[in-house]
């Protein structure tokens, strides 16, 4: 069908306008009424064309020979300006200003040097919108404040003013096509105040065409896909365009790169209490999922003496090729420990136990006696004893039976290796034990492979492993 259908001849005695039809009207259509739909040949489908730059970023949308919108990006890939056109004539040039964590905090229009709108974000999630302030006349005077109310998937379902009066409500299709309503629930064609933070906390970019700006990509809710291929490749399955693994009610994708559970949020880089945030997430879900930047931010908060350098292990093995797997779970563990963890049962794996409690007892004993103080940590202070875990699945290496076999002292939980090295030629995971949050830092895989940094409770970290050992080791500073 090229055009849009005409409405049926009658519904309860009257002919409704085609846009919008209510859910009740759709649900009460009879077979005979469905048969009365005809093609409206006077209305043709809108034909829009898109242009992309060398980095496959959307830069221009046109309708025939007329521009619809243009997009400008900075070196980080953040969209910093959108030009909107009406009938090919520029009507608005909107500028965006972000935090280092890609949260928009201010927008300006044209050449003005004052804010047209500003945003305040919460600490629970990157798209946790608290409020939006706006200068309705764009004269530098903020005279409108609206608070956002979001549901469990971070969809904005309503907004209210400073008195608590609900001004607008919103509903969505599974992939985010919005329905705008006033405070009493009456459907309207658009937001009366141009409210833009809607589905999953994404920025509504307008109805021509319908799409959301979601940092790395644009989401097209009418067809439930992204506008371009996933820059990270097949990290979320075999569909490079699919959103949320076709399960949009259970996951969100705030980066436009990979899916995540909506209730388990990465830390905001501006979070001034990352420890508290992680502990809260561990209490809720037994794990916390973070971005590499957030994990780096946490590490720097604990190691100010490292000259504010983010270790290369959080990114790529660019300057430390000698390290074994200098990224991912091994890199994260080595980063917190401050030294390379070698495959040597006589050194780094010498003091390992089958229980976390036994490892903690030895760690506390070493710290009390100053066993590690001859060394220094990343801050230049006397080193302390720390705990890391190594888990593996022996069944994943059937060609090497018994390689990972070991016995342990029944009364002391001490691991005695059977003249073998802890092999990484199997399904394995490393984790650094953070005593303050009572959780293990590790990663699904490297950032280059689309990996994510995780913090798990002990129970969650070990639940799928065939075997796990907890090892005590002295901190170092050799890899910084």
Protein backbone atom coordinates (compact mmCIF):
# COMPACT_ATOMS: atom_id res chain seq x y z
CA UNK A 1 0.00 0.00 0.00
CA UNK A 2 1.55 3.27 -1.13
CA UNK A 3 -0.71 5.70 0.71
CA UNK A 4 -2.35 5.52 4.11
CA UNK A 5 -5.75 3.88 4.49
CA UNK A 6 -8.97 5.82 4.79
CA UNK A 7 -10.93 5.16 8.00
CA UNK A 8 -13.81 2.70 7.97
CA UNK A 9 -17.23 4.00 7.04
CA UNK A 10 -18.60 3.90 10.54
CA UNK A 11 -17.61 3.14 14.09
CA UNK A 12 -20.48 3.29 16.55
CA UNK A 13 -22.37 5.53 14.16
CA UNK A 14 -19.63 8.03 13.28
CA UNK A 15 -16.56 8.24 11.11
CA UNK A 16 -13.46 8.97 13.25
CA UNK A 17 -10.48 10.94 12.09
CA UNK A 18 -7.73 8.60 10.94
CA UNK A 19 -5.14 10.13 13.27
CA UNK A 20 -5.24 9.24 16.03
CA UNK A 21 -7.48 6.21 16.56
CA UNK A 22 -7.75 5.09 20.15
CA UNK A 23 -6.97 1.60 21.35
CA UNK A 24 -10.66 1.09 22.08
CA UNK A 25 -11.56 1.98 18.49
CA UNK A 26 -9.06 -0.49 17.10
CA UNK A 27 -10.23 -3.23 19.47
CA UNK A 28 -13.91 -2.83 18.54
CA UNK A 29 -13.47 -2.97 14.76
CA UNK A 30 -15.57 -5.71 13.18
CA UNK A 31 -14.65 -7.73 10.12
CA UNK A 32 -17.06 -5.70 8.04
CA UNK A 33 -15.51 -2.45 9.24
CA UNK A 34 -12.00 -3.71 8.46
CA UNK A 35 -13.22 -4.46 4.94
CA UNK A 36 -14.21 -0.82 4.47
CA UNK A 37 -10.61 0.38 4.65
CA UNK A 38 -9.44 1.72 1.30
CA UNK A 39 -6.21 3.20 0.11
CA UNK A 40 -5.97 6.96 0.33
CA UNK A 41 -4.26 7.55 -2.97
CA UNK A 42 -4.12 11.28 -2.33
CA UNK A 43 -1.49 10.77 0.38
CA UNK A 44 1.81 9.20 -0.68
CA UNK A 45 4.44 7.79 1.58
CA UNK A 46 7.15 10.20 2.63
CA UNK A 47 10.39 9.43 0.80
CA UNK A 48 13.44 10.54 2.75
CA UNK A 49 17.09 10.00 1.93
CA UNK A 50 20.01 9.84 4.38
CA UNK A 51 23.69 10.64 3.91
CA UNK A 52 26.52 9.41 6.12
CA UNK A 53 30.10 10.55 6.64
CA UNK A 54 33.30 8.48 6.45
CA UNK A 55 32.69 7.23 10.00
CA UNK A 56 29.20 6.03 9.05
CA UNK A 57 27.51 8.78 11.10
CA UNK A 58 24.24 10.28 9.95
CA UNK A 59 24.93 13.82 8.69
CA UNK A 60 22.04 14.74 6.39
CA UNK A 61 18.40 13.85 5.76
CA UNK A 62 16.69 15.15 2.63
CA UNK A 63 13.21 15.03 1.16
CA UNK A 64 13.85 15.05 -2.55
CA UNK A 65 16.07 18.06 -3.16
CA UNK A 66 15.16 19.79 0.11
CA UNK A 67 17.08 19.39 3.36
CA UNK A 68 15.20 18.11 6.41
CA UNK A 69 18.00 18.06 8.99
CA UNK A 70 21.79 18.15 9.30
CA UNK A 71 23.93 16.75 12.10
CA UNK A 72 27.41 17.82 13.22
CA UNK A 73 29.73 15.78 15.49
CA UNK A 74 32.87 16.51 17.46
CA UNK A 75 36.04 14.39 17.57
CA UNK A 76 34.56 12.18 20.29
CA UNK A 77 31.59 11.30 18.13
CA UNK A 78 29.14 13.36 20.20
CA UNK A 79 26.49 15.15 18.17
CA UNK A 80 27.02 18.82 18.98
CA UNK A 81 24.61 20.50 16.53
CA UNK A 82 21.41 19.76 14.68
CA UNK A 83 20.11 22.04 11.94
CA UNK A 84 16.39 21.73 11.22
CA UNK A 85 14.83 22.82 7.91
CA UNK A 86 11.25 23.52 6.87
CA UNK A 87 10.57 23.30 3.12
CA UNK A 88 14.32 23.44 2.61
CA UNK A 89 14.81 26.63 4.69
CA UNK A 90 16.87 26.59 7.89
CA UNK A 91 14.57 27.24 10.86
CA UNK A 92 16.72 26.22 13.83
CA UNK A 93 20.35 25.50 14.66
CA UNK A 94 20.46 23.71 18.02
CA UNK A 95 23.75 23.23 19.88
CA UNK A 96 24.33 20.51 22.52
CA UNK A 97 26.73 20.56 25.47
CA UNK A 98 27.69 17.34 27.26
CA UNK A 99 29.43 15.97 30.32
CA UNK A 100 32.47 13.73 29.71
CA UNK A 101 30.06 10.82 30.19
CA UNK A 102 27.87 11.88 27.23
CA UNK A 103 24.98 13.34 29.22
CA UNK A 104 23.50 16.48 27.64
CA UNK A 105 23.34 19.24 30.24
CA UNK A 106 22.55 22.28 28.08
CA UNK A 107 21.16 23.26 24.70
CA UNK A 108 21.44 26.61 22.92
CA UNK A 109 19.80 27.89 19.76
CA UNK A 110 21.54 29.75 16.97
CA UNK A 111 24.19 32.25 18.01
CA UNK A 112 22.81 32.91 21.49
CA UNK A 113 25.23 32.42 24.37
CA UNK A 114 22.56 31.58 26.94
CA UNK A 115 20.79 28.30 27.53
CA UNK A 116 17.48 27.54 25.88
CA UNK A 117 17.15 24.43 28.09
CA UNK A 118 19.17 22.65 30.74
CA UNK A 119 19.03 19.16 32.24
CA UNK A 120 19.76 17.66 35.67
CA UNK A 121 20.55 13.92 35.73
CA UNK A 122 20.44 11.47 38.61
CA UNK A 123 23.11 9.05 39.80
CA UNK A 124 21.18 5.81 39.26
CA UNK A 125 21.61 5.61 35.50
CA UNK A 126 23.04 7.55 32.58
CA UNK A 127 19.53 8.54 31.37
CA UNK A 128 18.01 9.07 34.81
CA UNK A 129 16.45 12.48 34.15
CA UNK A 130 15.52 14.51 37.24
CA UNK A 131 14.32 17.72 35.64
CA UNK A 132 14.47 19.96 32.61
CA UNK A 133 14.60 23.76 32.79
CA UNK A 134 13.69 25.88 29.77
CA UNK A 135 13.65 29.47 28.63
CA UNK A 136 10.37 29.54 26.72
CA UNK A 137 11.28 32.83 25.02
CA UNK A 138 14.95 31.86 24.54
CA UNK A 139 15.98 35.15 26.12
CA UNK A 140 18.34 33.82 28.77
CA UNK A 141 15.68 33.66 31.48
CA UNK A 142 14.77 30.16 32.65
CA UNK A 143 11.05 30.32 33.38
CA UNK A 144 9.85 26.73 33.04
CA UNK A 145 10.76 23.64 35.09
CA UNK A 146 9.42 20.14 34.52
CA UNK A 147 10.21 17.01 36.54
CA UNK A 148 10.37 13.67 34.74
CA UNK A 149 8.70 10.53 36.06
CA UNK A 150 10.21 7.36 34.61
CA UNK A 151 9.20 3.72 34.86
CA UNK A 152 11.37 0.62 35.30
CA UNK A 153 12.64 0.79 31.72
CA UNK A 154 13.44 4.50 32.11
CA UNK A 155 10.53 5.49 29.87
CA UNK A 156 9.27 8.95 30.78
CA UNK A 157 5.59 8.33 31.49
CA UNK A 158 4.65 11.78 32.80
CA UNK A 159 6.04 15.21 33.68
CA UNK A 160 4.94 17.62 36.37
CA UNK A 161 5.62 21.24 37.28
CA UNK A 162 6.97 22.62 40.55
CA UNK A 163 3.53 22.31 42.17
CA UNK A 164 3.31 18.60 41.34
CA UNK A 165 0.61 19.10 38.73
CA UNK A 166 0.94 16.60 35.88
CA UNK A 167 1.16 18.47 32.59
CA UNK A 168 1.70 15.66 30.08
CA UNK A 169 1.62 11.88 29.92
CA UNK A 170 3.27 9.54 27.43
CA UNK A 171 2.73 6.01 26.18
CA UNK A 172 4.85 4.00 23.75
CA UNK A 173 4.80 1.13 21.34
CA UNK A 174 7.20 -1.71 22.08
CA UNK A 175 10.01 0.02 20.17
CA UNK A 176 9.23 3.55 21.29
CA UNK A 177 6.73 5.23 18.97
CA UNK A 178 5.28 7.83 21.37
CA UNK A 179 1.70 8.75 22.08
CA UNK A 180 1.46 12.26 23.54
CA UNK A 181 -1.30 13.12 25.99
CA UNK A 182 -2.15 16.08 28.16
CA UNK A 183 -2.34 15.76 31.92
CA UNK A 184 -5.84 14.26 31.82
CA UNK A 185 -4.93 11.63 29.23
CA UNK A 186 -6.38 13.26 26.12
CA UNK A 187 -4.30 12.41 23.06
CA UNK A 188 -2.51 15.28 21.34
CA UNK A 189 -0.37 15.37 18.24
CA UNK A 190 2.88 16.37 19.97
CA UNK A 191 4.29 17.61 23.25
CA UNK A 192 2.98 21.11 23.93
CA UNK A 193 6.29 22.09 25.53
CA UNK A 194 8.62 20.15 23.24
CA UNK A 195 9.57 17.60 25.88
CA UNK A 196 12.25 15.40 24.35
CA UNK A 197 13.43 12.80 26.91
CA UNK A 198 10.99 9.98 26.28
CA UNK A 199 11.36 6.27 25.48
CA UNK A 200 14.03 4.58 27.66
CA UNK A 201 15.34 8.06 28.47
CA UNK A 202 16.43 8.58 24.84
CA UNK A 203 16.22 11.94 23.12
CA UNK A 204 13.21 12.25 20.80
CA UNK A 205 14.58 13.82 17.64
CA UNK A 206 11.25 14.61 16.04
CA UNK A 207 8.62 13.11 13.80
CA UNK A 208 10.28 13.77 10.43
CA UNK A 209 11.31 11.04 10.47
CA UNK A 210 10.41 9.43 13.78
CA UNK A 211 13.71 8.64 15.50
CA UNK A 212 15.61 8.88 18.78
CA UNK A 213 19.19 10.06 19.18
CA UNK A 214 20.89 7.38 21.31
CA UNK A 215 24.51 8.51 21.35
CA UNK A 216 26.24 6.16 18.89
CA UNK A 217 23.19 5.59 16.66
CA UNK A 218 19.62 6.64 15.93
CA UNK A 219 16.71 4.37 16.85
CA UNK A 220 13.85 4.15 14.35
CA UNK A 221 10.80 3.15 16.43
CA UNK A 222 8.41 2.68 13.52
CA UNK A 223 10.41 -0.30 12.26
CA UNK A 224 12.17 -1.22 15.52
CA UNK A 225 15.75 -1.03 14.26
CA UNK A 226 18.81 1.17 14.35
CA UNK A 227 19.65 3.46 11.44
CA UNK A 228 23.07 1.87 10.86
CA UNK A 229 25.13 -1.21 11.65
CA UNK A 230 26.47 -1.78 15.14
CA UNK A 231 29.94 -0.17 15.27
CA UNK A 232 31.10 -3.00 17.55
CA UNK A 233 30.01 -5.76 15.22
CA UNK A 234 28.17 -8.86 16.37
CA UNK A 235 28.39 -8.24 20.13
CA UNK A 236 24.62 -8.49 20.61
CA UNK A 237 23.85 -11.28 18.19
CA UNK A 238 23.78 -11.76 14.44
CA UNK A 239 21.65 -8.72 13.65
CA UNK A 240 23.72 -5.58 13.20
CA UNK A 241 20.59 -3.41 13.04
CA UNK A 242 18.37 -5.11 15.63
CA UNK A 243 17.38 -3.27 18.79
CA UNK A 244 17.34 -5.02 22.15
CA UNK A 245 17.63 -8.51 20.67
CA UNK A 246 14.00 -8.06 19.64
CA UNK A 247 13.11 -7.89 23.34
CA UNK A 248 12.69 -4.14 23.94
CA UNK A 249 10.60 -4.49 27.11
CA UNK A 250 13.40 -6.28 28.98
CA UNK A 251 16.57 -4.45 27.90
CA UNK A 252 17.77 -0.97 27.01
CA UNK A 253 20.75 0.27 25.02
CA UNK A 254 21.76 3.76 26.23
CA UNK A 255 25.03 3.79 24.26
CA UNK A 256 23.59 2.49 21.01
CA UNK A 257 26.26 -0.22 21.16
CA UNK A 258 25.09 -3.10 23.34
CA UNK A 259 22.10 -4.17 25.40
CA UNK A 260 21.84 -4.09 29.17
CA UNK A 261 19.30 -4.76 31.84
CA UNK A 262 17.46 -1.50 32.57
CA UNK A 263 17.61 -1.76 36.36
CA UNK A 264 21.33 -2.48 36.58
CA UNK A 265 22.95 0.79 35.69
CA UNK A 266 26.47 1.86 34.89
CA UNK A 267 28.00 4.52 37.08
CA UNK A 268 27.82 8.09 35.99
CA UNK A 269 31.33 9.54 35.59
CA UNK A 270 30.12 12.39 37.81
CA UNK A 271 29.06 10.03 40.59
CA UNK A 272 30.89 11.36 43.66
CA UNK A 273 30.19 8.14 45.57
CA UNK A 274 30.93 5.25 43.21
CA UNK A 275 31.42 2.83 46.10
CA UNK A 276 27.93 3.49 47.44
CA UNK A 277 26.44 3.14 43.99
CA UNK A 278 28.11 -0.22 43.33
CA UNK A 279 27.10 -1.58 46.74
CA UNK A 280 23.50 -0.61 46.03
CA UNK A 281 23.57 -2.41 42.69
CA UNK A 282 25.09 -5.52 44.26
CA UNK A 283 22.38 -5.55 46.91
CA UNK A 284 19.69 -5.29 44.23
CA UNK A 285 20.89 -7.74 41.59
CA UNK A 286 24.12 -9.33 42.89
CA UNK A 287 26.03 -7.72 40.04
CA UNK A 288 26.72 -4.28 38.59
CA UNK A 289 27.46 -3.57 34.95
CA UNK A 290 29.71 -0.62 34.21
CA UNK A 291 31.26 1.13 31.25
CA UNK A 292 35.04 1.09 30.92
CA UNK A 293 35.11 4.84 31.64
CA UNK A 294 33.13 4.35 34.85
CA UNK A 295 35.43 1.58 36.05
CA UNK A 296 38.45 3.75 35.27
CA UNK A 297 36.86 6.58 37.22
CA UNK A 298 36.40 4.29 40.22
CA UNK A 299 40.00 3.04 39.99
CA UNK A 300 41.38 6.58 39.92
CA UNK A 301 39.29 7.49 42.98
CA UNK A 302 41.07 4.70 44.85
CA UNK A 303 44.55 5.40 43.46
CA UNK A 304 45.08 9.17 43.36
CA UNK A 305 48.83 8.66 43.44
CA UNK A 306 48.78 7.12 39.99
CA UNK A 307 48.95 10.64 38.50
CA UNK A 308 45.37 10.49 37.22
CA UNK A 309 46.32 8.07 34.49
CA UNK A 310 43.75 5.55 33.42
CA UNK A 311 45.60 2.21 33.13
CA UNK A 312 45.87 0.86 29.62
CA UNK A 313 44.27 -2.36 30.83
CA UNK A 314 40.88 -0.65 30.83
CA UNK A 315 41.30 0.06 27.14
CA UNK A 316 43.83 -1.63 24.91
CA UNK A 317 47.14 -3.33 25.19
CA UNK A 318 48.71 -0.39 23.42
CA UNK A 319 51.84 0.18 25.47
CA UNK A 320 52.18 -3.09 27.38
CA UNK A 321 52.35 -5.88 24.81
CA UNK A 322 54.38 -8.05 27.18
CA UNK A 323 51.40 -8.52 29.47
CA UNK A 324 49.34 -11.66 29.06
CA UNK A 325 45.85 -10.65 27.95
CA UNK A 326 46.37 -7.01 28.87
CA UNK A 327 42.67 -6.25 28.76
CA UNK A 328 39.41 -7.84 29.82
CA UNK A 329 39.17 -9.77 33.09
CA UNK A 330 42.93 -10.39 33.40
CA UNK A 331 43.71 -6.76 32.65
CA UNK A 332 41.18 -5.52 35.19
CA UNK A 333 42.59 -7.81 37.89
CA UNK A 334 46.19 -6.90 37.12
CA UNK A 335 45.27 -3.23 37.11
CA UNK A 336 43.84 -3.33 40.64
CA UNK A 337 46.67 -5.51 41.90
CA UNK A 338 49.27 -3.30 40.19
CA UNK A 339 51.36 -6.12 38.79
CA UNK A 340 51.35 -8.86 36.21
CA UNK A 341 49.86 -12.14 37.39
CA UNK A 342 51.99 -14.90 35.92
CA UNK A 343 51.20 -18.57 35.41
CA UNK A 344 53.48 -19.75 38.19
CA UNK A 345 52.19 -21.88 41.05
CA UNK A 346 55.34 -21.17 43.07
CA UNK A 347 54.79 -17.40 43.12
CA UNK A 348 51.50 -15.74 42.19
CA UNK A 349 49.40 -18.88 42.74
CA UNK A 350 51.36 -20.15 45.73
CA UNK A 351 48.86 -19.05 48.38
CA UNK A 352 45.48 -20.12 47.05
CA UNK A 353 42.44 -21.46 48.87
CA UNK A 354 39.14 -23.06 48.04
CA UNK A 355 37.18 -20.54 50.13
CA UNK A 356 37.15 -16.76 50.17
CA UNK A 357 37.09 -16.75 53.97
CA UNK A 358 40.38 -18.64 54.17
CA UNK A 359 42.04 -16.25 51.73
CA UNK A 360 40.82 -13.23 53.68
CA UNK A 361 42.28 -14.63 56.89
CA UNK A 362 45.73 -14.95 55.31
CA UNK A 363 45.41 -11.51 53.74
CA UNK A 364 44.60 -9.96 57.13
CA UNK A 365 47.49 -11.83 58.74
CA UNK A 366 49.94 -10.53 56.13
CA UNK A 367 48.70 -6.98 56.47
CA UNK A 368 48.98 -7.11 60.26
CA UNK A 369 52.56 -8.37 60.08
CA UNK A 370 53.60 -6.03 57.25
CA UNK A 371 54.47 -8.97 55.03
CA UNK A 372 54.05 -6.91 51.82
CA UNK A 373 55.37 -3.56 53.07
CA UNK A 374 58.75 -4.06 51.41
CA UNK A 375 56.97 -3.28 48.15
CA UNK A 376 55.02 -0.19 47.11
CA UNK A 377 51.63 0.13 45.45
CA UNK A 378 50.39 2.47 42.70
CA UNK A 379 50.17 5.37 45.16
CA UNK A 380 53.75 4.91 46.30
CA UNK A 381 52.57 3.67 49.70
CA UNK A 382 53.66 0.40 51.33
CA UNK A 383 51.97 -2.43 49.50
CA UNK A 384 49.21 -4.46 51.09
CA UNK A 385 48.06 -8.01 50.59
CA UNK A 386 45.03 -8.40 48.33
CA UNK A 387 42.87 -11.24 47.07
CA UNK A 388 42.07 -12.25 43.51
CA UNK A 389 40.03 -15.19 42.26
CA UNK A 390 40.57 -17.54 39.35
CA UNK A 391 37.74 -19.75 38.17
CA UNK A 392 37.60 -22.22 35.33
CA UNK A 393 35.68 -25.03 33.75
CA UNK A 394 37.79 -28.17 33.44
CA UNK A 395 35.20 -29.75 31.17
CA UNK A 396 35.99 -27.19 28.49
CA UNK A 397 39.40 -28.77 27.78
CA UNK A 398 38.66 -32.48 27.21
CA UNK A 399 41.92 -32.94 25.30
CA UNK A 400 43.91 -32.05 28.40
CA UNK A 401 42.42 -34.27 31.13
CA UNK A 402 43.60 -33.51 34.62
CA UNK A 403 45.59 -30.40 33.73
CA UNK A 404 43.64 -28.27 36.17
CA UNK A 405 43.28 -31.01 38.81
CA UNK A 406 44.38 -30.08 42.30
CA UNK A 407 43.93 -31.28 45.86
CA UNK A 408 43.36 -29.23 48.96
CA UNK A 409 43.98 -29.45 52.65
CA UNK A 410 40.63 -30.40 54.15
CA UNK A 411 41.14 -28.48 57.38
CA UNK A 412 42.80 -25.35 56.00
CA UNK A 413 41.31 -25.09 52.44
CA UNK A 414 44.82 -24.59 51.05
CA UNK A 415 45.17 -25.50 47.38
CA UNK A 416 48.01 -27.79 46.39
CA UNK A 417 48.65 -27.78 42.66
CA UNK A 418 49.50 -31.09 41.04
CA UNK A 419 52.62 -29.83 39.27
CA UNK A 420 50.48 -28.00 36.73
CA UNK A 421 50.05 -24.37 35.89
CA UNK A 422 46.63 -22.66 36.06
CA UNK A 423 45.85 -22.82 32.35
CA UNK A 424 44.05 -20.08 30.45
CA UNK A 425 43.43 -22.47 27.56
CA UNK A 426 39.95 -23.08 28.85
CA UNK A 427 36.81 -21.29 29.94
CA UNK A 428 38.12 -19.07 32.71
CA UNK A 429 37.58 -15.80 34.51
CA UNK A 430 39.72 -13.61 36.73
CA UNK A 431 38.39 -11.29 39.39
CA UNK A 432 39.90 -8.80 41.84
CA UNK A 433 38.26 -8.91 45.27
CA UNK A 434 37.32 -5.42 46.46
CA UNK A 435 36.89 -5.66 50.22
CA UNK A 436 35.10 -2.32 50.49
CA UNK A 437 32.23 -3.36 48.26
CA UNK A 438 32.52 -7.10 49.00
CA UNK A 439 32.54 -7.93 45.30
CA UNK A 440 34.75 -9.10 42.45
CA UNK A 441 35.83 -6.87 39.56
CA UNK A 442 36.06 -8.65 36.22
CA UNK A 443 34.91 -8.33 32.60
CA UNK A 444 32.95 -10.26 30.01
CA UNK A 445 35.74 -9.73 27.46
CA UNK A 446 37.90 -6.90 26.23
CA UNK A 447 36.51 -3.48 25.35
CA UNK A 448 37.69 -3.97 21.78
CA UNK A 449 35.40 -7.01 21.58
CA UNK A 450 32.47 -5.10 23.02
CA UNK A 451 33.08 -6.31 26.56
CA UNK A 452 31.66 -4.85 29.71
CA UNK A 453 33.13 -4.50 33.17
CA UNK A 454 31.19 -6.32 35.86
CA UNK A 455 31.24 -6.31 39.64
CA UNK A 456 29.74 -9.47 41.14
CA UNK A 457 29.04 -10.82 44.57
CA UNK A 458 31.05 -13.92 45.39
CA UNK A 459 28.01 -16.15 44.90
CA UNK A 460 27.27 -14.66 41.47
CA UNK A 461 30.91 -14.73 40.39
CA UNK A 462 31.32 -18.45 41.09
CA UNK A 463 27.87 -19.87 40.35
CA UNK A 464 28.67 -21.13 36.83
CA UNK A 465 32.24 -22.26 37.48
CA UNK A 466 33.41 -25.86 37.81
CA UNK A 467 36.28 -24.80 40.08
CA UNK A 468 37.34 -21.58 41.83
CA UNK A 469 40.40 -20.67 43.87
CA UNK A 470 41.05 -17.52 45.90
CA UNK A 471 44.67 -16.38 45.96
CA UNK A 472 46.53 -13.90 48.16
CA UNK A 473 49.18 -11.70 46.56
CA UNK A 474 51.10 -8.52 47.40
CA UNK A 475 50.29 -5.34 45.53
CA UNK A 476 52.81 -3.85 43.14
CA UNK A 477 53.42 -0.84 40.91
CA UNK A 478 55.33 -2.41 38.06
CA UNK A 479 52.65 -1.97 35.41
CA UNK A 480 51.90 1.74 35.85
